Amino acid sequence: MARVGACAATALLVLVLLVNTATAVKPRSCWDFATWGNHNEYRSCEPHCHNNACNQWCYSACRGGECKFRRNHQCCHCYC
């Protein structure tokens, strides 16, 4: 009986970790993402750096959003 409970707890933990990893990849509402691009290839740009490309990626990835300069780098901000 204890083994079944331990297996269930382990399975639940693995499931939570997988869901958390999967949701962390895709931008969500009201969040800022410092890395952006199809393969997260852009990071820590100056305000003018890749602005149009960032806005285009952010708008499509968030279903609305724009890039903003925050905490000394450009990030994709998804609207709420």
PDB file of N, CA and C in Angstrom:
ATOM      1  N   MET A   1       0.815  -1.188   0.000  1.00  0.00           N
ATOM      2  CA  MET A   1       0.000   0.000   0.000  1.00  0.00           C
ATOM      3  C   MET A   1       0.868   1.265   0.000  1.00  0.00           C
ATOM      4  N   ALA A   2       1.951   1.239   0.783  1.00  0.00           N
ATOM      5  CA  ALA A   2       2.847   2.389   0.841  1.00  0.00           C
ATOM      6  C   ALA A   2       3.544   2.609  -0.498  1.00  0.00           C
ATOM      7  N   ARG A   3       3.851   1.522  -1.205  1.00  0.00           N
ATOM      8  CA  ARG A   3       4.504   1.642  -2.511  1.00  0.00           C
ATOM      9  C   ARG A   3       3.581   2.305  -3.524  1.00  0.00           C
ATOM     10  N   VAL A   4       2.314   1.987  -3.467  1.00  0.00           N
ATOM     11  CA  VAL A   4       1.344   2.599  -4.377  1.00  0.00           C
ATOM     12  C   VAL A   4       1.271   4.101  -4.124  1.00  0.00           C
ATOM     13  N   GLY A   5       1.249   4.487  -2.864  1.00  0.00           N
ATOM     14  CA  GLY A   5       1.220   5.910  -2.520  1.00  0.00           C
ATOM     15  C   GLY A   5       2.476   6.632  -2.966  1.00  0.00           C
ATOM     16  N   ALA A   6       3.625   5.995  -2.806  1.00  0.00           N
ATOM     17  CA  ALA A   6       4.890   6.598  -3.233  1.00  0.00           C
ATOM     18  C   ALA A   6       4.935   6.729  -4.748  1.00  0.00           C
ATOM     19  N   CYS A   7       4.460   5.716  -5.455  1.00  0.00           N
ATOM     20  CA  CYS A   7       4.425   5.773  -6.922  1.00  0.00           C
ATOM     21  C   CYS A   7       3.478   6.869  -7.402  1.00  0.00           C
ATOM     22  N   ALA A   8       2.345   6.990  -6.752  1.00  0.00           N
ATOM     23  CA  ALA A   8       1.381   8.025  -7.123  1.00  0.00           C
ATOM     24  C   ALA A   8       1.956   9.414  -6.875  1.00  0.00           C
ATOM     25  N   ALA A   9       2.640   9.594  -5.763  1.00  0.00           N
ATOM     26  CA  ALA A   9       3.256  10.888  -5.453  1.00  0.00           C
ATOM     27  C   ALA A   9       4.345  11.222  -6.459  1.00  0.00           C
ATOM     28  N   THR A  10       5.142  10.243  -6.840  1.00  0.00           N
ATOM     29  CA  THR A  10       6.202  10.455  -7.827  1.00  0.00           C
ATOM     30  C   THR A  10       5.602  10.801  -9.184  1.00  0.00           C
ATOM     31  N   ALA A  11       4.571  10.090  -9.584  1.00  0.00           N
ATOM     32  CA  ALA A  11       3.916  10.364 -10.862  1.00  0.00           C
ATOM     33  C   ALA A  11       3.317  11.766 -10.879  1.00  0.00           C
ATOM     34  N   LEU A  12       2.725  12.175  -9.788  1.00  0.00           N
ATOM     35  CA  LEU A  12       2.149  13.514  -9.694  1.00  0.00           C
ATOM     36  C   LEU A  12       3.232  14.583  -9.789  1.00  0.00           C
ATOM     37  N   LEU A  13       4.346  14.367  -9.129  1.00  0.00           N
ATOM     38  CA  LEU A  13       5.457  15.314  -9.189  1.00  0.00           C
ATOM     39  C   LEU A  13       5.989  15.443 -10.611  1.00  0.00           C
ATOM     40  N   VAL A  14       6.164  14.338 -11.295  1.00  0.00           N
ATOM     41  CA  VAL A  14       6.646  14.358 -12.682  1.00  0.00           C
ATOM     42  C   VAL A  14       5.651  15.094 -13.569  1.00  0.00           C
ATOM     43  N   LEU A  15       4.374  14.858 -13.384  1.00  0.00           N
ATOM     44  CA  LEU A  15       3.349  15.533 -14.171  1.00  0.00           C
ATOM     45  C   LEU A  15       3.377  17.042 -13.943  1.00  0.00           C
ATOM     46  N   VAL A  16       3.504  17.461 -12.705  1.00  0.00           N
ATOM     47  CA  VAL A  16       3.571  18.893 -12.388  1.00  0.00           C
ATOM     48  C   VAL A  16       4.798  19.526 -13.034  1.00  0.00           C
ATOM     49  N   LEU A  17       5.930  18.866 -12.986  1.00  0.00           N
ATOM     50  CA  LEU A  17       7.145  19.397 -13.602  1.00  0.00           C
ATOM     51  C   LEU A  17       7.005  19.501 -15.113  1.00  0.00           C
ATOM     52  N   LEU A  18       6.401  18.526 -15.749  1.00  0.00           N
ATOM     53  CA  LEU A  18       6.204  18.570 -17.197  1.00  0.00           C
ATOM     54  C   LEU A  18       5.265  19.694 -17.603  1.00  0.00           C
ATOM     55  N   VAL A  19       4.190  19.873 -16.881  1.00  0.00           N
ATOM     56  CA  VAL A  19       3.250  20.947 -17.188  1.00  0.00           C
ATOM     57  C   VAL A  19       3.907  22.294 -16.972  1.00  0.00           C
ATOM     58  N   ASN A  20       4.657  22.442 -15.902  1.00  0.00           N
ATOM     59  CA  ASN A  20       5.341  23.694 -15.611  1.00  0.00           C
ATOM     60  C   ASN A  20       6.339  24.033 -16.704  1.00  0.00           C
ATOM     61  N   THR A  21       7.088  23.063 -17.192  1.00  0.00           N
ATOM     62  CA  THR A  21       8.061  23.284 -18.253  1.00  0.00           C
ATOM     63  C   THR A  21       7.359  23.665 -19.544  1.00  0.00           C
ATOM     64  N   ALA A  22       6.289  23.000 -19.878  1.00  0.00           N
ATOM     65  CA  ALA A  22       5.571  23.279 -21.120  1.00  0.00           C
ATOM     66  C   ALA A  22       4.950  24.665 -21.113  1.00  0.00           C
ATOM     67  N   THR A  23       4.426  25.112 -19.997  1.00  0.00           N
ATOM     68  CA  THR A  23       3.798  26.426 -19.948  1.00  0.00           C
ATOM     69  C   THR A  23       4.827  27.539 -19.863  1.00  0.00           C
ATOM     70  N   ALA A  24       6.030  27.259 -19.428  1.00  0.00           N
ATOM     71  CA  ALA A  24       7.058  28.291 -19.322  1.00  0.00           C
ATOM     72  C   ALA A  24       7.594  28.688 -20.686  1.00  0.00           C
ATOM     73  N   VAL A  25       7.452  27.850 -21.683  1.00  0.00           N
ATOM     74  CA  VAL A  25       7.996  28.115 -23.006  1.00  0.00           C
ATOM     75  C   VAL A  25       7.149  29.135 -23.748  1.00  0.00           C
ATOM     76  N   LYS A  26       5.852  29.084 -23.631  1.00  0.00           N
ATOM     77  CA  LYS A  26       4.942  29.934 -24.378  1.00  0.00           C
ATOM     78  C   LYS A  26       4.587  31.169 -23.562  1.00  0.00           C
ATOM     79  N   PRO A  27       4.693  32.368 -24.147  1.00  0.00           N
ATOM     80  CA  PRO A  27       4.314  33.575 -23.423  1.00  0.00           C
ATOM     81  C   PRO A  27       2.853  33.557 -22.998  1.00  0.00           C
ATOM     82  N   ARG A  28       2.581  34.132 -21.832  1.00  0.00           N
ATOM     83  CA  ARG A  28       1.228  34.217 -21.294  1.00  0.00           C
ATOM     84  C   ARG A  28       0.876  35.674 -21.041  1.00  0.00           C
ATOM     85  N   SER A  29      -0.371  35.922 -20.749  1.00  0.00           N
ATOM     86  CA  SER A  29      -0.833  37.280 -20.496  1.00  0.00           C
ATOM     87  C   SER A  29      -0.147  37.876 -19.274  1.00  0.00           C
ATOM     88  N   CYS A  30       0.054  39.180 -19.318  1.00  0.00           N
ATOM     89  CA  CYS A  30       0.596  39.970 -18.212  1.00  0.00           C
ATOM     90  C   CYS A  30       2.014  39.552 -17.813  1.00  0.00           C
ATOM     91  N   TRP A  31       2.779  38.986 -18.700  1.00  0.00           N
ATOM     92  CA  TRP A  31       4.137  38.556 -18.393  1.00  0.00           C
ATOM     93  C   TRP A  31       5.126  39.227 -19.326  1.00  0.00           C
ATOM     94  N   ASP A  32       6.347  39.418 -18.837  1.00  0.00           N
ATOM     95  CA  ASP A  32       7.448  39.914 -19.650  1.00  0.00           C
ATOM     96  C   ASP A  32       8.419  38.776 -19.902  1.00  0.00           C
ATOM     97  N   PHE A  33       8.878  38.652 -21.137  1.00  0.00           N
ATOM     98  CA  PHE A  33       9.821  37.605 -21.500  1.00  0.00           C
ATOM     99  C   PHE A  33      11.091  38.242 -22.036  1.00  0.00           C
ATOM    100  N   ALA A  34      12.198  38.030 -21.334  1.00  0.00           N
ATOM    101  CA  ALA A  34      13.473  38.640 -21.704  1.00  0.00           C
ATOM    102  C   ALA A  34      14.073  37.982 -22.936  1.00  0.00           C
ATOM    103  N   THR A  35      13.853  36.701 -23.133  1.00  0.00           N
ATOM    104  CA  THR A  35      14.323  36.033 -24.343  1.00  0.00           C
ATOM    105  C   THR A  35      13.133  35.853 -25.264  1.00  0.00           C
ATOM    106  N   TRP A  36      13.353  36.072 -26.552  1.00  0.00           N
ATOM    107  CA  TRP A  36      12.260  35.963 -27.499  1.00  0.00           C
ATOM    108  C   TRP A  36      12.819  35.491 -28.826  1.00  0.00           C
ATOM    109  N   GLY A  37      11.937  35.142 -29.706  1.00  0.00           N
ATOM    110  CA  GLY A  37      12.309  34.597 -31.006  1.00  0.00           C
ATOM    111  C   GLY A  37      11.913  33.137 -31.067  1.00  0.00           C
ATOM    112  N   ASN A  38      11.943  32.575 -32.254  1.00  0.00           N
ATOM    113  CA  ASN A  38      11.501  31.193 -32.436  1.00  0.00           C
ATOM    114  C   ASN A  38      12.314  30.203 -31.619  1.00  0.00           C
ATOM    115  N   HIS A  39      13.580  30.499 -31.406  1.00  0.00           N
ATOM    116  CA  HIS A  39      14.442  29.610 -30.617  1.00  0.00           C
ATOM    117  C   HIS A  39      15.065  30.360 -29.443  1.00  0.00           C
ATOM    118  N   ASN A  40      14.375  31.407 -28.960  1.00  0.00           N
ATOM    119  CA  ASN A  40      14.882  32.257 -27.875  1.00  0.00           C
ATOM    120  C   ASN A  40      16.273  32.788 -28.182  1.00  0.00           C
ATOM    121  N   GLU A  41      16.492  33.172 -29.450  1.00  0.00           N
ATOM    122  CA  GLU A  41      17.822  33.607 -29.851  1.00  0.00           C
ATOM    123  C   GLU A  41      18.132  35.055 -29.501  1.00  0.00           C
ATOM    124  N   TYR A  42      17.137  35.841 -29.140  1.00  0.00           N
ATOM    125  CA  TYR A  42      17.377  37.243 -28.824  1.00  0.00           C
ATOM    126  C   TYR A  42      17.257  37.470 -27.329  1.00  0.00           C
ATOM    127  N   ARG A  43      18.198  38.257 -26.795  1.00  0.00           N
ATOM    128  CA  ARG A  43      18.191  38.534 -25.364  1.00  0.00           C
ATOM    129  C   ARG A  43      19.006  39.806 -25.090  1.00  0.00           C
ATOM    130  N   SER A  44      18.547  40.568 -24.131  1.00  0.00           N
ATOM    131  CA  SER A  44      19.267  41.739 -23.623  1.00  0.00           C
ATOM    132  C   SER A  44      19.667  42.715 -24.714  1.00  0.00           C
ATOM    133  N   CYS A  45      18.721  43.120 -25.537  1.00  0.00           N
ATOM    134  CA  CYS A  45      19.004  44.082 -26.602  1.00  0.00           C
ATOM    135  C   CYS A  45      18.872  45.507 -26.088  1.00  0.00           C
ATOM    136  N   GLU A  46      19.477  46.418 -26.818  1.00  0.00           N
ATOM    137  CA  GLU A  46      19.272  47.839 -26.578  1.00  0.00           C
ATOM    138  C   GLU A  46      17.831  48.166 -26.981  1.00  0.00           C
ATOM    139  N   PRO A  47      17.309  49.324 -26.566  1.00  0.00           N
ATOM    140  CA  PRO A  47      15.911  49.634 -26.886  1.00  0.00           C
ATOM    141  C   PRO A  47      15.607  49.625 -28.385  1.00  0.00           C
ATOM    142  N   HIS A  48      16.547  50.043 -29.219  1.00  0.00           N
ATOM    143  CA  HIS A  48      16.293  50.119 -30.662  1.00  0.00           C
ATOM    144  C   HIS A  48      16.612  48.813 -31.394  1.00  0.00           C
ATOM    145  N   CYS A  49      17.265  47.897 -30.739  1.00  0.00           N
ATOM    146  CA  CYS A  49      17.752  46.660 -31.352  1.00  0.00           C
ATOM    147  C   CYS A  49      16.610  45.682 -31.635  1.00  0.00           C
ATOM    148  N   HIS A  50      16.425  45.282 -32.863  1.00  0.00           N
ATOM    149  CA  HIS A  50      15.427  44.282 -33.267  1.00  0.00           C
ATOM    150  C   HIS A  50      14.006  44.675 -32.873  1.00  0.00           C
ATOM    151  N   ASN A  51      13.712  45.953 -32.775  1.00  0.00           N
ATOM    152  CA  ASN A  51      12.415  46.376 -32.252  1.00  0.00           C
ATOM    153  C   ASN A  51      11.252  45.869 -33.097  1.00  0.00           C
ATOM    154  N   ASN A  52      11.330  46.016 -34.422  1.00  0.00           N
ATOM    155  CA  ASN A  52      10.225  45.557 -35.272  1.00  0.00           C
ATOM    156  C   ASN A  52      10.084  44.044 -35.237  1.00  0.00           C
ATOM    157  N   ALA A  53      11.199  43.330 -35.276  1.00  0.00           N
ATOM    158  CA  ALA A  53      11.150  41.864 -35.225  1.00  0.00           C
ATOM    159  C   ALA A  53      10.601  41.392 -33.884  1.00  0.00           C
ATOM    160  N   CYS A  54      10.996  42.046 -32.810  1.00  0.00           N
ATOM    161  CA  CYS A  54      10.502  41.685 -31.479  1.00  0.00           C
ATOM    162  C   CYS A  54       9.001  41.927 -31.387  1.00  0.00           C
ATOM    163  N   ASN A  55       8.550  43.078 -31.857  1.00  0.00           N
ATOM    164  CA  ASN A  55       7.121  43.375 -31.814  1.00  0.00           C
ATOM    165  C   ASN A  55       6.311  42.377 -32.632  1.00  0.00           C
ATOM    166  N   GLN A  56       6.822  42.023 -33.804  1.00  0.00           N
ATOM    167  CA  GLN A  56       6.114  41.070 -34.653  1.00  0.00           C
ATOM    168  C   GLN A  56       6.029  39.698 -33.985  1.00  0.00           C
ATOM    169  N   TRP A  57       7.152  39.224 -33.416  1.00  0.00           N
ATOM    170  CA  TRP A  57       7.149  37.923 -32.743  1.00  0.00           C
ATOM    171  C   TRP A  57       6.245  37.960 -31.515  1.00  0.00           C
ATOM    172  N   CYS A  58       6.347  39.021 -30.751  1.00  0.00           N
ATOM    173  CA  CYS A  58       5.574  39.145 -29.515  1.00  0.00           C
ATOM    174  C   CYS A  58       4.076  39.186 -29.811  1.00  0.00           C
ATOM    175  N   TYR A  59       3.699  39.928 -30.835  1.00  0.00           N
ATOM    176  CA  TYR A  59       2.281  40.033 -31.183  1.00  0.00           C
ATOM    177  C   TYR A  59       1.704  38.674 -31.552  1.00  0.00           C
ATOM    178  N   SER A  60       2.451  37.892 -32.326  1.00  0.00           N
ATOM    179  CA  SER A  60       1.931  36.586 -32.742  1.00  0.00           C
ATOM    180  C   SER A  60       2.033  35.547 -31.626  1.00  0.00           C
ATOM    181  N   ALA A  61       3.090  35.575 -30.827  1.00  0.00           N
ATOM    182  CA  ALA A  61       3.274  34.580 -29.762  1.00  0.00           C
ATOM    183  C   ALA A  61       2.299  34.797 -28.610  1.00  0.00           C
ATOM    184  N   CYS A  62       1.944  36.042 -28.357  1.00  0.00           N
ATOM    185  CA  CYS A  62       1.060  36.360 -27.230  1.00  0.00           C
ATOM    186  C   CYS A  62      -0.386  36.556 -27.647  1.00  0.00           C
ATOM    187  N   ARG A  63      -0.644  36.526 -28.947  1.00  0.00           N
ATOM    188  CA  ARG A  63      -1.960  36.925 -29.464  1.00  0.00           C
ATOM    189  C   ARG A  63      -2.250  38.358 -29.040  1.00  0.00           C
ATOM    190  N   GLY A  64      -1.272  39.190 -29.223  1.00  0.00           N
ATOM    191  CA  GLY A  64      -1.328  40.591 -28.831  1.00  0.00           C
ATOM    192  C   GLY A  64      -0.228  40.863 -27.833  1.00  0.00           C
ATOM    193  N   GLY A  65       0.470  41.952 -27.993  1.00  0.00           N
ATOM    194  CA  GLY A  65       1.562  42.292 -27.091  1.00  0.00           C
ATOM    195  C   GLY A  65       2.568  43.150 -27.822  1.00  0.00           C
ATOM    196  N   GLU A  66       3.558  43.636 -27.103  1.00  0.00           N
ATOM    197  CA  GLU A  66       4.601  44.443 -27.718  1.00  0.00           C
ATOM    198  C   GLU A  66       5.870  44.339 -26.900  1.00  0.00           C
ATOM    199  N   CYS A  67       6.973  44.704 -27.534  1.00  0.00           N
ATOM    200  CA  CYS A  67       8.252  44.679 -26.836  1.00  0.00           C
ATOM    201  C   CYS A  67       8.458  45.998 -26.117  1.00  0.00           C
ATOM    202  N   LYS A  68       8.955  45.909 -24.912  1.00  0.00           N
ATOM    203  CA  LYS A  68       9.216  47.082 -24.083  1.00  0.00           C
ATOM    204  C   LYS A  68      10.609  46.959 -23.486  1.00  0.00           C
ATOM    205  N   PHE A  69      11.186  48.094 -23.147  1.00  0.00           N
ATOM    206  CA  PHE A  69      12.507  48.115 -22.535  1.00  0.00           C
ATOM    207  C   PHE A  69      12.317  48.101 -21.023  1.00  0.00           C
ATOM    208  N   ARG A  70      12.678  46.990 -20.396  1.00  0.00           N
ATOM    209  CA  ARG A  70      12.520  46.835 -18.948  1.00  0.00           C
ATOM    210  C   ARG A  70      13.747  46.172 -18.360  1.00  0.00           C
ATOM    211  N   ARG A  71      14.104  46.601 -17.171  1.00  0.00           N
ATOM    212  CA  ARG A  71      15.243  46.026 -16.449  1.00  0.00           C
ATOM    213  C   ARG A  71      16.477  45.923 -17.349  1.00  0.00           C
ATOM    214  N   ASN A  72      16.742  46.988 -18.071  1.00  0.00           N
ATOM    215  CA  ASN A  72      17.925  47.125 -18.927  1.00  0.00           C
ATOM    216  C   ASN A  72      17.967  46.177 -20.111  1.00  0.00           C
ATOM    217  N   HIS A  73      16.840  45.653 -20.530  1.00  0.00           N
ATOM    218  CA  HIS A  73      16.815  44.880 -21.768  1.00  0.00           C
ATOM    219  C   HIS A  73      15.416  44.896 -22.361  1.00  0.00           C
ATOM    220  N   GLN A  74      15.372  44.599 -23.639  1.00  0.00           N
ATOM    221  CA  GLN A  74      14.109  44.561 -24.344  1.00  0.00           C
ATOM    222  C   GLN A  74      13.428  43.228 -24.072  1.00  0.00           C
ATOM    223  N   CYS A  75      12.145  43.261 -23.792  1.00  0.00           N
ATOM    224  CA  CYS A  75      11.428  42.024 -23.516  1.00  0.00           C
ATOM    225  C   CYS A  75      10.054  42.075 -24.166  1.00  0.00           C
ATOM    226  N   CYS A  76       9.512  40.905 -24.398  1.00  0.00           N
ATOM    227  CA  CYS A  76       8.170  40.772 -24.951  1.00  0.00           C
ATOM    228  C   CYS A  76       7.180  40.859 -23.797  1.00  0.00           C
ATOM    229  N   HIS A  77       6.280  41.822 -23.865  1.00  0.00           N
ATOM    230  CA  HIS A  77       5.253  41.979 -22.835  1.00  0.00           C
ATOM    231  C   HIS A  77       3.911  41.573 -23.426  1.00  0.00           C
ATOM    232  N   CYS A  78       3.314  40.545 -22.855  1.00  0.00           N
ATOM    233  CA  CYS A  78       1.998  40.081 -23.299  1.00  0.00           C
ATOM    234  C   CYS A  78       0.921  40.865 -22.566  1.00  0.00           C
ATOM    235  N   TYR A  79      -0.076  41.299 -23.298  1.00  0.00           N
ATOM    236  CA  TYR A  79      -1.183  42.020 -22.677  1.00  0.00           C
ATOM    237  C   TYR A  79      -2.053  41.086 -21.860  1.00  0.00           C
ATOM    238  N   CYS A  80      -2.705  41.652 -20.868  1.00  0.00           N
ATOM    239  CA  CYS A  80      -3.617  40.863 -20.025  1.00  0.00           C
ATOM    240  C   CYS A  80      -4.908  40.579 -20.760  1.00  0.00           C
TER     241      CYS A  80
END
